[in-house]
Amino acid sequence: MISFHKGHVLGTAAFLALPMAVLAPRGGSVILVLAAVAVLALSPANALRIGALPRSLTLAIGALVLWAVVSLAWTVDFAVTLRKVLPFAATVFAGLVLVAAARDMKEAERRFFVAALVAGFVLGLAVLAEEIISKGALIRLGTFGELTEANRLGSNVYPLGFLNRGVTVVPMLLWPAALALWATGKKPAAVVLWLLALATILFTDADAAVLGIVFGLAVFLVVLPAARKTIAGVAVAVVLSTLAAPLITRLLPEPASAAAEYPFLSSSAVIRLQIWNFAADKIEKRPLTGWGFEMARSFSSRADEKWTVPLRAPDGSVFRGFTEPMPLHPHNAVLQWWLELGLVGAALAAAILFLILMEIRRGPTPAVAKAAAAALVIGALGTAAVTYGAWQNWWVSYHFLVAAVMTGVLTATGERPEPPR
């Protein structure tokens, strides 16, 4: 009789992750919660394994969640912050349960997990390719509920825009899937998988996913020759750039002239310049504490929509977009940390990234594994710096799912280190 174990739970979650991201990305939250519940059902004591995670990292994550809760004291809208912060805290807990379980898998559990991860990633790529070719045939069947609305998000400018959420998950899951193949001796297959993923992404409208691939690959190539030394430098650079983000925003091109002076910029990029300028103005007014968790959405509404600066379509034509100053969030996770949680929140988020990178650095894994893990972190940060709301449950859920998946793969490439105390 085959006993049900953590490898089955994590493997199933890994298998479903990319197909779900393509067809119903908000389902990532469901996968995370069900996987965490399954892990706890195997043994409620698995919740205690969170304590086996690196203490400094766990404390930093807990401090960020606590600071988000504390922001109820000064938030612009108490009810909205309360309604949003509780699911966020629950998502973080579920994510930590899954990451802790991934660190604790036995060899037999890892074998199922790795096979399921690779199979699911290949299936997800195939589904994505089919949706690109058919312009969303499966989604348009209407069998995936909430995504029927996504069909209306496409336009003549970005006809495949409804796939963008799923596509942004591809670069994150690519690194652990390719590393799993590489670590098991299937190096040619790992390279082919990487190239297939890149080619598929290039046929979509998801510039954020391309940015994630570029950032990740750049870090991979820099880190690979001397992983321990270079990861420390990357970690410091992440902290400094996070803390300087509002100042860096002021150095970017002026939105009013960007389309004319920089014709290579897409219309979405120019709109983001406008949004980031608006966010920087608000950050200056409350730099220490921010405006409260999930308060970016309070700065404007559809009633504030106006004609934007001139924009350039992919075909080169110039048009004027119609948007509000802050459409729900800054489309930049780092600026959102600053805007809503201030310097304190941004510093805590920077500390989390720093500690993750340093944990990768000190682990007894080969250089290629360290480089892939660092590439995942920076690639995900690059994508998050131009796209979705930092606290959206589906987006946070996928980050934790990918973190658990990469943790599981890393434990298969070397003996697990004792966590720092």
Protein backbone atom coordinates (compact mmCIF):
# COMPACT_ATOMS: atom_id res chain seq x y z
CA MET A 1 0.00 0.00 0.00
CA ILE A 2 1.37 3.41 -0.98
CA SER A 3 1.35 5.88 1.88
CA PHE A 4 0.46 9.50 1.24
CA HIS A 5 3.35 11.84 2.08
CA LYS A 6 4.61 15.42 1.74
CA GLY A 7 6.16 14.64 -1.63
CA HIS A 8 2.72 13.85 -3.02
CA VAL A 9 1.32 17.13 -1.67
CA LEU A 10 4.18 19.29 -2.91
CA GLY A 11 4.45 17.38 -6.17
CA THR A 12 0.75 17.84 -6.90
CA ALA A 13 1.00 21.56 -6.12
CA ALA A 14 4.06 21.87 -8.36
CA PHE A 15 2.34 19.93 -11.16
CA LEU A 16 -0.74 22.17 -11.09
CA ALA A 17 1.08 25.47 -10.62
CA LEU A 18 1.80 26.48 -14.22
CA PRO A 19 -1.32 25.06 -15.92
CA MET A 20 -3.40 26.83 -13.29
CA ALA A 21 -1.43 30.06 -13.78
CA VAL A 22 -2.20 30.01 -17.50
CA LEU A 23 -5.89 29.10 -17.29
CA ALA A 24 -6.98 30.54 -13.95
CA PRO A 25 -4.12 32.41 -12.24
CA ARG A 26 -6.13 33.35 -9.18
CA GLY A 27 -6.36 29.64 -8.51
CA GLY A 28 -2.80 29.84 -7.22
CA SER A 29 -4.26 30.90 -3.88
CA VAL A 30 -6.40 27.75 -3.84
CA ILE A 31 -3.41 25.53 -4.59
CA LEU A 32 -1.36 27.11 -1.80
CA VAL A 33 -4.10 26.85 0.83
CA LEU A 34 -5.11 23.29 -0.08
CA ALA A 35 -1.48 22.17 -0.11
CA ALA A 36 -0.84 23.75 3.29
CA VAL A 37 -4.00 22.15 4.70
CA ALA A 38 -2.93 18.77 3.30
CA VAL A 39 0.52 19.10 4.88
CA LEU A 40 -1.08 19.93 8.23
CA ALA A 41 -3.56 17.07 7.81
CA LEU A 42 -0.66 14.64 7.45
CA SER A 43 0.52 15.88 10.83
CA PRO A 44 -0.56 19.02 12.69
CA ALA A 45 2.98 19.09 14.06
CA ASN A 46 4.12 20.18 10.59
CA ALA A 47 3.05 23.70 11.60
CA LEU A 48 5.83 23.63 14.17
CA ARG A 49 8.38 22.99 11.43
CA ILE A 50 8.15 26.67 10.55
CA GLY A 51 10.41 27.08 13.57
CA ALA A 52 13.06 25.06 11.74
CA LEU A 53 13.30 27.69 9.01
CA PRO A 54 16.15 30.19 9.32
CA ARG A 55 15.21 32.18 12.41
CA SER A 56 16.32 35.59 11.17
CA LEU A 57 14.35 35.19 7.95
CA THR A 58 11.21 33.98 9.72
CA LEU A 59 11.42 36.89 12.16
CA ALA A 60 11.80 39.39 9.31
CA ILE A 61 8.76 37.98 7.51
CA GLY A 62 6.77 38.03 10.75
CA ALA A 63 7.86 41.62 11.39
CA LEU A 64 6.65 42.71 7.95
CA VAL A 65 3.25 41.09 8.51
CA LEU A 66 3.06 42.68 11.97
CA TRP A 67 3.95 46.11 10.56
CA ALA A 68 1.20 45.72 7.97
CA VAL A 69 -1.24 45.00 10.81
CA VAL A 70 0.09 47.91 12.88
CA SER A 71 -0.56 50.22 9.93
CA LEU A 72 -4.22 49.96 10.92
CA ALA A 73 -3.34 52.72 13.40
CA TRP A 74 -2.77 55.30 10.64
CA THR A 75 -4.30 53.85 7.50
CA VAL A 76 -6.46 56.05 5.31
CA ASP A 77 -9.25 53.44 5.30
CA PHE A 78 -9.35 51.17 8.37
CA ALA A 79 -11.98 48.82 6.96
CA VAL A 80 -10.12 48.17 3.70
CA THR A 81 -6.78 47.58 5.42
CA LEU A 82 -8.39 45.20 7.93
CA ARG A 83 -10.17 43.30 5.18
CA LYS A 84 -6.95 42.94 3.17
CA VAL A 85 -4.33 42.34 5.86
CA LEU A 86 -5.97 39.28 7.42
CA PRO A 87 -5.98 37.18 4.20
CA PHE A 88 -2.42 38.36 3.57
CA ALA A 89 -1.31 37.08 6.99
CA ALA A 90 -3.08 33.77 6.38
CA THR A 91 -1.39 33.42 2.97
CA VAL A 92 2.03 34.04 4.52
CA PHE A 93 1.36 31.38 7.16
CA ALA A 94 0.26 28.85 4.52
CA GLY A 95 3.32 29.68 2.46
CA LEU A 96 5.70 29.17 5.37
CA VAL A 97 4.07 25.81 6.15
CA LEU A 98 4.72 24.71 2.57
CA VAL A 99 8.32 25.97 2.48
CA ALA A 100 9.06 24.22 5.78
CA ALA A 101 7.59 20.99 4.41
CA ALA A 102 9.73 21.28 1.27
CA ARG A 103 12.88 21.44 3.42
CA ASP A 104 11.87 18.27 5.22
CA MET A 105 11.21 15.85 2.36
CA LYS A 106 12.89 12.46 2.33
CA GLU A 107 14.60 11.05 -0.75
CA ALA A 108 11.60 8.99 -1.90
CA GLU A 109 9.34 11.99 -1.45
CA ARG A 110 11.66 14.17 -3.52
CA ARG A 111 11.64 11.73 -6.43
CA PHE A 112 7.87 12.06 -6.89
CA PHE A 113 8.05 15.81 -6.29
CA VAL A 114 10.76 16.40 -8.93
CA ALA A 115 9.02 14.25 -11.55
CA ALA A 116 5.71 16.05 -10.94
CA LEU A 117 7.37 19.48 -11.11
CA VAL A 118 8.96 18.85 -14.50
CA ALA A 119 5.85 17.18 -15.93
CA GLY A 120 3.65 20.03 -14.74
CA PHE A 121 5.96 22.67 -16.16
CA VAL A 122 6.05 20.97 -19.57
CA LEU A 123 2.26 20.62 -19.52
CA GLY A 124 1.89 24.27 -18.54
CA LEU A 125 4.13 25.38 -21.41
CA ALA A 126 2.10 23.25 -23.83
CA VAL A 127 -1.16 24.77 -22.58
CA LEU A 128 0.31 28.26 -22.89
CA ALA A 129 1.48 27.57 -26.44
CA GLU A 130 -1.98 26.27 -27.34
CA GLU A 131 -3.63 29.38 -25.86
CA ILE A 132 -1.26 31.65 -27.80
CA ILE A 133 -2.02 29.90 -31.08
CA SER A 134 -5.78 29.67 -30.48
CA LYS A 135 -6.04 33.15 -28.89
CA GLY A 136 -7.35 31.66 -25.66
CA ALA A 137 -9.60 28.83 -26.86
CA LEU A 138 -9.69 26.98 -23.53
CA ILE A 139 -10.26 30.15 -21.55
CA ARG A 140 -13.00 31.24 -23.93
CA LEU A 141 -14.90 28.04 -23.27
CA GLY A 142 -15.99 29.73 -20.08
CA THR A 143 -15.20 26.69 -17.95
CA PHE A 144 -12.81 28.61 -15.73
CA GLY A 145 -15.29 31.02 -14.17
CA GLU A 146 -13.54 34.23 -13.24
CA LEU A 147 -11.35 34.23 -16.34
CA THR A 148 -14.25 34.74 -18.71
CA GLU A 149 -13.71 38.45 -17.99
CA ALA A 150 -10.07 38.13 -19.05
CA ASN A 151 -11.17 37.57 -22.63
CA ARG A 152 -12.31 41.18 -22.70
CA LEU A 153 -8.95 42.48 -21.56
CA GLY A 154 -7.32 41.91 -24.92
CA SER A 155 -7.26 44.67 -27.52
CA ASN A 156 -5.86 45.46 -30.91
CA VAL A 157 -2.76 46.77 -29.15
CA TYR A 158 -2.19 43.78 -26.84
CA PRO A 159 -4.33 40.92 -28.21
CA LEU A 160 -2.75 38.36 -25.85
CA GLY A 161 -2.83 40.55 -22.78
CA PHE A 162 -5.32 38.23 -21.06
CA LEU A 163 -2.50 35.66 -20.72
CA ASN A 164 -0.07 38.00 -18.97
CA ARG A 165 -0.72 36.80 -15.44
CA GLY A 166 0.07 33.22 -16.31
CA VAL A 167 3.04 34.14 -18.44
CA THR A 168 4.70 36.04 -15.56
CA VAL A 169 4.76 32.81 -13.56
CA VAL A 170 6.74 30.98 -16.27
CA PRO A 171 10.14 32.62 -15.53
CA MET A 172 9.75 31.86 -11.81
CA LEU A 173 8.95 28.16 -12.22
CA LEU A 174 11.49 27.79 -15.03
CA TRP A 175 14.52 27.98 -12.73
CA PRO A 176 13.55 25.15 -10.36
CA ALA A 177 12.23 22.98 -13.21
CA ALA A 178 15.44 23.38 -15.24
CA LEU A 179 17.60 22.92 -12.14
CA ALA A 180 15.74 19.71 -11.29
CA LEU A 181 16.62 18.30 -14.72
CA TRP A 182 20.21 19.53 -14.52
CA ALA A 183 20.75 18.06 -11.03
CA THR A 184 19.50 14.64 -12.15
CA GLY A 185 21.99 14.51 -15.03
CA LYS A 186 19.59 15.58 -17.77
CA LYS A 187 21.57 18.67 -18.71
CA PRO A 188 20.59 18.82 -22.42
CA ALA A 189 16.94 18.54 -21.43
CA ALA A 190 17.39 21.40 -18.95
CA VAL A 191 18.82 23.65 -21.67
CA VAL A 192 16.05 22.69 -24.12
CA LEU A 193 13.40 23.39 -21.48
CA TRP A 194 14.90 26.81 -20.79
CA LEU A 195 14.99 27.71 -24.49
CA LEU A 196 11.43 26.49 -25.06
CA ALA A 197 10.20 28.61 -22.17
CA LEU A 198 12.01 31.66 -23.50
CA ALA A 199 10.65 31.15 -27.01
CA THR A 200 7.11 30.75 -25.70
CA ILE A 201 7.32 33.93 -23.62
CA LEU A 202 8.59 35.91 -26.60
CA PHE A 203 5.38 35.08 -28.49
CA THR A 204 3.25 36.79 -25.81
CA ASP A 205 2.61 40.40 -24.81
CA ALA A 206 4.07 39.95 -21.32
CA ASP A 207 6.99 42.39 -21.20
CA ALA A 208 7.22 41.83 -17.43
CA ALA A 209 7.96 38.15 -18.00
CA VAL A 210 10.68 39.03 -20.52
CA LEU A 211 12.19 41.40 -17.97
CA GLY A 212 12.13 38.62 -15.37
CA ILE A 213 13.95 36.28 -17.77
CA VAL A 214 16.57 38.92 -18.63
CA PHE A 215 17.22 39.87 -15.00
CA GLY A 216 17.37 36.23 -13.95
CA LEU A 217 19.72 35.19 -16.74
CA ALA A 218 22.03 38.15 -16.08
CA VAL A 219 22.29 37.25 -12.39
CA PHE A 220 22.78 33.56 -13.21
CA LEU A 221 25.74 34.33 -15.49
CA VAL A 222 27.28 36.75 -12.98
CA VAL A 223 26.87 34.46 -9.99
CA LEU A 224 27.87 31.13 -11.57
CA PRO A 225 31.68 31.62 -11.69
CA ALA A 226 32.02 32.63 -8.02
CA ALA A 227 28.69 32.07 -6.32
CA ARG A 228 29.51 32.83 -2.68
CA LYS A 229 31.27 36.11 -3.41
CA THR A 230 28.88 37.44 -6.02
CA ILE A 231 25.64 36.55 -4.21
CA ALA A 232 26.76 38.71 -1.28
CA GLY A 233 27.24 41.61 -3.69
CA VAL A 234 23.85 41.01 -5.29
CA ALA A 235 22.22 40.98 -1.85
CA VAL A 236 23.78 44.32 -0.92
CA ALA A 237 22.74 45.82 -4.26
CA VAL A 238 19.13 44.71 -3.66
CA VAL A 239 19.06 46.42 -0.25
CA LEU A 240 20.57 49.65 -1.55
CA SER A 241 18.30 49.84 -4.60
CA THR A 242 15.23 49.15 -2.46
CA LEU A 243 16.07 51.88 0.01
CA ALA A 244 16.86 54.33 -2.80
CA ALA A 245 13.81 53.46 -4.92
CA PRO A 246 11.92 56.77 -4.46
CA LEU A 247 15.05 58.70 -5.42
CA ILE A 248 15.74 56.45 -8.40
CA THR A 249 12.20 57.13 -9.63
CA ARG A 250 13.04 60.81 -9.96
CA LEU A 251 15.92 59.96 -12.30
CA LEU A 252 13.70 58.19 -14.84
CA PRO A 253 12.53 59.91 -18.04
CA GLU A 254 9.74 62.45 -17.78
CA PRO A 255 6.46 60.78 -18.81
CA ALA A 256 5.35 63.79 -20.87
CA SER A 257 8.26 63.42 -23.28
CA ALA A 258 9.17 59.74 -22.89
CA ALA A 259 7.22 58.45 -25.92
CA ALA A 260 8.83 60.99 -28.24
CA GLU A 261 12.38 60.80 -26.85
CA TYR A 262 12.46 57.03 -26.29
CA PRO A 263 10.47 55.39 -29.10
CA PHE A 264 11.49 51.92 -27.93
CA LEU A 265 9.35 52.35 -24.78
CA SER A 266 5.97 50.63 -24.95
CA SER A 267 2.80 52.47 -24.01
CA SER A 268 2.55 50.46 -20.79
CA ALA A 269 6.09 51.54 -19.87
CA VAL A 270 5.25 55.23 -20.36
CA ILE A 271 2.09 54.86 -18.28
CA ARG A 272 4.16 53.25 -15.54
CA LEU A 273 6.53 56.22 -15.53
CA GLN A 274 3.52 58.43 -14.88
CA ILE A 275 2.21 56.17 -12.11
CA TRP A 276 5.64 55.94 -10.44
CA ASN A 277 5.99 59.74 -10.45
CA PHE A 278 2.60 60.01 -8.78
CA ALA A 279 3.61 57.35 -6.21
CA ALA A 280 6.88 59.16 -5.46
CA ASP A 281 4.92 62.36 -4.74
CA LYS A 282 2.78 60.50 -2.21
CA ILE A 283 5.78 58.77 -0.63
CA GLU A 284 7.37 62.14 0.08
CA LYS A 285 4.37 63.11 2.20
CA ARG A 286 4.58 60.05 4.50
CA PRO A 287 8.10 58.63 4.10
CA LEU A 288 8.44 56.84 7.44
CA THR A 289 5.18 54.94 7.95
CA GLY A 290 3.43 55.14 4.60
CA TRP A 291 -0.31 55.48 4.08
CA GLY A 292 -1.39 52.06 5.33
CA PHE A 293 -1.54 48.52 3.96
CA GLU A 294 -3.31 48.33 0.57
CA MET A 295 -3.99 52.07 0.54
CA ALA A 296 -2.54 52.72 -2.93
CA ARG A 297 -6.02 52.03 -4.27
CA SER A 298 -7.40 54.97 -2.24
CA PHE A 299 -5.55 57.67 -4.19
CA SER A 300 -7.70 57.61 -7.31
CA SER A 301 -10.66 55.95 -8.95
CA ARG A 302 -12.29 55.68 -12.35
CA ALA A 303 -13.71 59.15 -11.74
CA ASP A 304 -10.14 60.47 -11.90
CA GLU A 305 -9.40 58.98 -15.31
CA LYS A 306 -7.85 61.44 -17.72
CA TRP A 307 -6.00 61.58 -20.99
CA THR A 308 -2.40 60.62 -20.39
CA VAL A 309 0.77 61.64 -22.13
CA PRO A 310 1.28 60.50 -25.74
CA LEU A 311 1.86 56.75 -26.01
CA ARG A 312 3.33 54.55 -28.72
CA ALA A 313 1.69 51.31 -29.84
CA PRO A 314 3.75 48.24 -30.85
CA ASP A 315 3.14 49.11 -34.53
CA GLY A 316 4.78 52.52 -34.01
CA SER A 317 1.62 54.61 -34.09
CA VAL A 318 1.13 57.28 -31.41
CA PHE A 319 -2.08 57.56 -29.42
CA ARG A 320 -3.27 59.03 -26.13
CA GLY A 321 -4.11 56.59 -23.37
CA PHE A 322 -6.88 56.97 -20.84
CA THR A 323 -6.06 56.03 -17.26
CA GLU A 324 -6.21 57.18 -13.66
CA PRO A 325 -3.17 58.46 -11.69
CA MET A 326 -2.96 55.32 -9.53
CA PRO A 327 -4.85 52.36 -11.03
CA LEU A 328 -5.20 50.24 -7.87
CA HIS A 329 -1.45 50.00 -7.16
CA PRO A 330 1.89 51.44 -8.36
CA HIS A 331 2.70 48.46 -10.61
CA ASN A 332 6.00 48.33 -8.76
CA ALA A 333 6.34 46.22 -5.60
CA VAL A 334 9.22 48.24 -4.18
CA LEU A 335 7.38 51.55 -4.54
CA GLN A 336 4.29 49.93 -3.04
CA TRP A 337 6.30 48.88 0.02
CA TRP A 338 7.37 52.50 0.41
CA LEU A 339 3.99 54.00 -0.41
CA GLU A 340 1.93 51.88 1.97
CA LEU A 341 4.37 50.84 4.71
CA GLY A 342 7.00 53.58 4.47
CA LEU A 343 10.71 53.31 5.13
CA VAL A 344 10.10 50.73 7.86
CA GLY A 345 8.17 48.43 5.55
CA ALA A 346 10.60 48.87 2.67
CA ALA A 347 13.54 48.13 4.99
CA LEU A 348 11.85 44.96 6.27
CA ALA A 349 11.13 43.78 2.71
CA ALA A 350 14.74 44.52 1.74
CA ALA A 351 15.92 42.56 4.78
CA ILE A 352 13.81 39.56 3.71
CA LEU A 353 15.36 39.58 0.24
CA PHE A 354 18.84 40.00 1.71
CA LEU A 355 18.36 37.07 4.11
CA ILE A 356 16.97 34.83 1.36
CA LEU A 357 20.00 35.52 -0.82
CA MET A 358 22.40 34.97 2.06
CA GLU A 359 20.68 31.67 2.89
CA ILE A 360 21.21 30.63 -0.74
CA ARG A 361 24.84 31.70 -0.45
CA ARG A 362 25.61 29.69 2.69
CA GLY A 363 23.81 26.51 1.64
CA PRO A 364 25.93 23.42 0.75
CA THR A 365 24.64 23.31 -2.81
CA PRO A 366 26.71 23.41 -6.03
CA ALA A 367 27.39 26.70 -7.76
CA VAL A 368 24.82 26.06 -10.50
CA ALA A 369 22.10 25.58 -7.87
CA LYS A 370 23.09 28.78 -6.05
CA ALA A 371 23.13 30.69 -9.33
CA ALA A 372 19.70 29.36 -10.34
CA ALA A 373 18.19 30.22 -6.95
CA ALA A 374 19.67 33.73 -7.01
CA ALA A 375 18.40 34.14 -10.59
CA LEU A 376 14.92 33.16 -9.43
CA VAL A 377 14.93 35.78 -6.65
CA ILE A 378 16.18 38.64 -8.82
CA GLY A 379 14.09 37.65 -11.82
CA ALA A 380 10.95 37.59 -9.66
CA LEU A 381 11.90 40.96 -8.20
CA GLY A 382 12.40 42.37 -11.70
CA THR A 383 8.93 41.19 -12.73
CA ALA A 384 7.38 42.50 -9.51
CA ALA A 385 8.99 45.89 -10.14
CA VAL A 386 6.81 46.54 -13.22
CA THR A 387 3.61 44.64 -12.67
CA TYR A 388 0.98 43.44 -10.20
CA GLY A 389 0.05 44.64 -6.73
CA ALA A 390 2.57 43.51 -4.14
CA TRP A 391 -0.10 42.08 -1.83
CA GLN A 392 -2.52 40.47 -4.29
CA ASN A 393 -3.27 37.05 -2.82
CA TRP A 394 -2.82 35.09 -6.05
CA TRP A 395 0.55 36.81 -6.68
CA VAL A 396 1.81 36.31 -3.12
CA SER A 397 0.60 32.71 -3.28
CA TYR A 398 2.61 32.00 -6.42
CA HIS A 399 5.72 33.49 -4.86
CA PHE A 400 5.37 31.13 -1.90
CA LEU A 401 4.56 28.17 -4.16
CA VAL A 402 7.69 28.85 -6.20
CA ALA A 403 9.73 29.35 -3.02
CA ALA A 404 8.56 25.94 -1.76
CA VAL A 405 9.29 24.34 -5.13
CA MET A 406 12.81 25.79 -5.32
CA THR A 407 13.45 24.81 -1.70
CA GLY A 408 12.47 21.25 -2.52
CA VAL A 409 14.79 21.17 -5.52
CA LEU A 410 17.68 22.70 -3.57
CA THR A 411 17.39 20.08 -0.84
CA ALA A 412 17.87 17.46 -3.53
CA THR A 413 21.17 19.01 -4.68
CA GLY A 414 22.99 18.97 -1.33
CA GLU A 415 22.72 18.23 2.32
CA ARG A 416 20.46 20.69 4.12
CA PRO A 417 22.41 23.09 6.32
CA GLU A 418 21.61 23.78 9.92
CA PRO A 419 19.57 26.99 10.03
CA PRO A 420 21.34 29.98 11.55
CA ARG A 421 20.29 30.89 15.08
